[in-house]
Amino acid sequence: MNKAPLGYFEDLYSKSSDPWDYWSSDYERDKRRETVSHLRSKNPLGILEVGCSNGELAKDLSLRGPVTAIDFSPSAVAIAQLATREWDVLVKEAHPIL
């Protein structure tokens, strides 16, 4: 498996808090809406989002239930924490296990 180094993501987030245009892209907005629509339960006990980036999907998911969102990029975590501070979202930094 080919893994991108942490420095790659830290560099992306140092240049933009939205490097993939999650906030402004109609495509990304539609993709989030479609993702949330596929949740089986209307009120899940909890939702885990792995690789939360800037927290945009976590906010949408939190409309269905409490979300724990993780990312291994400290910069992404800081951005997501700020973006989701008024939502039912807990954002934490993930640490490699290997």
C-alpha atoms as a PDB file:
ATOM      1  CA  MET A   1       0.000   0.000   0.000  1.00  0.00           C
ATOM      2  CA  ASN A   2       1.354   3.399  -0.980  1.00  0.00           C
ATOM      3  CA  LYS A   3       0.984   5.951   1.853  1.00  0.00           C
ATOM      4  CA  ALA A   4       1.404   9.705   1.558  1.00  0.00           C
ATOM      5  CA  PRO A   5       3.686  11.108   4.255  1.00  0.00           C
ATOM      6  CA  LEU A   6       2.237  13.348   6.948  1.00  0.00           C
ATOM      7  CA  GLY A   7       4.347  16.236   5.631  1.00  0.00           C
ATOM      8  CA  TYR A   8       2.425  16.148   2.357  1.00  0.00           C
ATOM      9  CA  PHE A   9      -0.877  16.834   4.131  1.00  0.00           C
ATOM     10  CA  GLU A  10       0.626  19.380   6.507  1.00  0.00           C
ATOM     11  CA  ASP A  11       1.938  21.266   3.476  1.00  0.00           C
ATOM     12  CA  LEU A  12      -1.509  21.174   1.812  1.00  0.00           C
ATOM     13  CA  TYR A  13      -3.252  22.513   4.930  1.00  0.00           C
ATOM     14  CA  SER A  14      -0.610  25.209   5.439  1.00  0.00           C
ATOM     15  CA  LYS A  15      -1.603  26.611   2.031  1.00  0.00           C
ATOM     16  CA  SER A  16      -5.392  26.233   2.374  1.00  0.00           C
ATOM     17  CA  SER A  17      -7.884  25.180   5.020  1.00  0.00           C
ATOM     18  CA  ASP A  18      -9.910  23.643   2.182  1.00  0.00           C
ATOM     19  CA  PRO A  19      -7.418  22.011  -0.212  1.00  0.00           C
ATOM     20  CA  TRP A  20     -10.112  19.872  -1.901  1.00  0.00           C
ATOM     21  CA  ASP A  21     -12.749  22.616  -2.213  1.00  0.00           C
ATOM     22  CA  TYR A  22     -15.205  20.879   0.133  1.00  0.00           C
ATOM     23  CA  TRP A  23     -16.692  24.250   1.112  1.00  0.00           C
ATOM     24  CA  SER A  24     -17.297  25.621  -2.369  1.00  0.00           C
ATOM     25  CA  SER A  25     -17.695  22.653  -4.726  1.00  0.00           C
ATOM     26  CA  ASP A  26     -21.203  21.646  -5.805  1.00  0.00           C
ATOM     27  CA  TYR A  27     -19.825  18.186  -6.565  1.00  0.00           C
ATOM     28  CA  GLU A  28     -18.487  17.796  -2.995  1.00  0.00           C
ATOM     29  CA  ARG A  29     -21.725  19.138  -1.487  1.00  0.00           C
ATOM     30  CA  ASP A  30     -23.767  16.648  -3.551  1.00  0.00           C
ATOM     31  CA  LYS A  31     -21.403  13.821  -2.598  1.00  0.00           C
ATOM     32  CA  ARG A  32     -21.845  14.619   1.118  1.00  0.00           C
ATOM     33  CA  ARG A  33     -25.622  14.729   0.737  1.00  0.00           C
ATOM     34  CA  GLU A  34     -25.575  11.346  -1.023  1.00  0.00           C
ATOM     35  CA  THR A  35     -23.305   9.846   1.653  1.00  0.00           C
ATOM     36  CA  VAL A  36     -25.578  10.970   4.487  1.00  0.00           C
ATOM     37  CA  SER A  37     -28.655   9.677   2.655  1.00  0.00           C
ATOM     38  CA  HIS A  38     -27.206   6.144   2.741  1.00  0.00           C
ATOM     39  CA  LEU A  39     -27.038   5.920   6.521  1.00  0.00           C
ATOM     40  CA  ARG A  40     -29.316   3.045   7.504  1.00  0.00           C
ATOM     41  CA  SER A  41     -30.410   4.467  10.824  1.00  0.00           C
ATOM     42  CA  LYS A  42     -32.050   7.860  11.197  1.00  0.00           C
ATOM     43  CA  ASN A  43     -30.633   8.131  14.734  1.00  0.00           C
ATOM     44  CA  PRO A  44     -27.423   6.115  15.052  1.00  0.00           C
ATOM     45  CA  LEU A  45     -25.755   5.870  18.466  1.00  0.00           C
ATOM     46  CA  GLY A  46     -22.603   7.288  16.950  1.00  0.00           C
ATOM     47  CA  ILE A  47     -20.800   7.833  13.682  1.00  0.00           C
ATOM     48  CA  LEU A  48     -17.049   7.545  13.086  1.00  0.00           C
ATOM     49  CA  GLU A  49     -15.511   9.519  10.262  1.00  0.00           C
ATOM     50  CA  VAL A  50     -11.953   8.497   9.440  1.00  0.00           C
ATOM     51  CA  GLY A  51      -9.939  11.103   7.554  1.00  0.00           C
ATOM     52  CA  CYS A  52     -12.185  14.050   8.390  1.00  0.00           C
ATOM     53  CA  SER A  53     -10.103  16.734   6.666  1.00  0.00           C
ATOM     54  CA  ASN A  54     -11.689  20.114   7.439  1.00  0.00           C
ATOM     55  CA  GLY A  55     -14.806  18.663   9.086  1.00  0.00           C
ATOM     56  CA  GLU A  56     -17.350  19.381   6.379  1.00  0.00           C
ATOM     57  CA  LEU A  57     -18.724  15.827   6.123  1.00  0.00           C
ATOM     58  CA  ALA A  58     -18.667  15.504   9.926  1.00  0.00           C
ATOM     59  CA  LYS A  59     -21.016  18.479  10.198  1.00  0.00           C
ATOM     60  CA  ASP A  60     -23.473  16.904   7.750  1.00  0.00           C
ATOM     61  CA  LEU A  61     -23.244  13.530   9.493  1.00  0.00           C
ATOM     62  CA  SER A  62     -23.926  15.153  12.863  1.00  0.00           C
ATOM     63  CA  LEU A  63     -27.438  16.011  11.681  1.00  0.00           C
ATOM     64  CA  ARG A  64     -28.102  12.244  12.030  1.00  0.00           C
ATOM     65  CA  GLY A  65     -26.218  11.539  15.279  1.00  0.00           C
ATOM     66  CA  PRO A  66     -23.106  12.291  17.316  1.00  0.00           C
ATOM     67  CA  VAL A  67     -19.885  12.105  15.304  1.00  0.00           C
ATOM     68  CA  THR A  68     -16.330  11.281  16.257  1.00  0.00           C
ATOM     69  CA  ALA A  69     -14.073  12.502  13.470  1.00  0.00           C
ATOM     70  CA  ILE A  70     -10.376  11.691  13.226  1.00  0.00           C
ATOM     71  CA  ASP A  71      -7.482  12.666  11.007  1.00  0.00           C
ATOM     72  CA  PHE A  72      -3.756  12.083  11.302  1.00  0.00           C
ATOM     73  CA  SER A  73      -2.891  15.619  10.159  1.00  0.00           C
ATOM     74  CA  PRO A  74      -2.659  17.982  13.150  1.00  0.00           C
ATOM     75  CA  SER A  75      -3.455  20.907  10.851  1.00  0.00           C
ATOM     76  CA  ALA A  76      -6.582  19.222   9.494  1.00  0.00           C
ATOM     77  CA  VAL A  77      -7.679  18.406  13.055  1.00  0.00           C
ATOM     78  CA  ALA A  78      -7.270  22.040  14.133  1.00  0.00           C
ATOM     79  CA  ILE A  79      -9.278  23.259  11.122  1.00  0.00           C
ATOM     80  CA  ALA A  80     -12.009  20.652  11.697  1.00  0.00           C
ATOM     81  CA  GLN A  81     -12.223  21.450  15.421  1.00  0.00           C
ATOM     82  CA  LEU A  82     -12.794  25.100  14.617  1.00  0.00           C
ATOM     83  CA  ALA A  83     -15.287  24.351  11.824  1.00  0.00           C
ATOM     84  CA  THR A  84     -17.361  21.939  13.928  1.00  0.00           C
ATOM     85  CA  ARG A  85     -17.278  23.683  17.308  1.00  0.00           C
ATOM     86  CA  GLU A  86     -21.038  24.358  17.236  1.00  0.00           C
ATOM     87  CA  TRP A  87     -21.978  20.865  15.996  1.00  0.00           C
ATOM     88  CA  ASP A  88     -22.308  17.488  17.762  1.00  0.00           C
ATOM     89  CA  VAL A  89     -18.821  16.519  16.594  1.00  0.00           C
ATOM     90  CA  LEU A  90     -15.727  15.445  18.524  1.00  0.00           C
ATOM     91  CA  VAL A  91     -12.572  15.835  16.428  1.00  0.00           C
ATOM     92  CA  LYS A  92      -9.394  14.054  17.496  1.00  0.00           C
ATOM     93  CA  GLU A  93      -5.959  13.429  16.044  1.00  0.00           C
ATOM     94  CA  ALA A  94      -5.390   9.837  14.991  1.00  0.00           C
ATOM     95  CA  HIS A  95      -2.020   8.260  15.655  1.00  0.00           C
ATOM     96  CA  PRO A  96      -0.472   5.549  13.505  1.00  0.00           C
ATOM     97  CA  ILE A  97      -0.587   2.101  15.069  1.00  0.00           C
ATOM     98  CA  LEU A  98       2.169   0.613  12.908  1.00  0.00           C
END
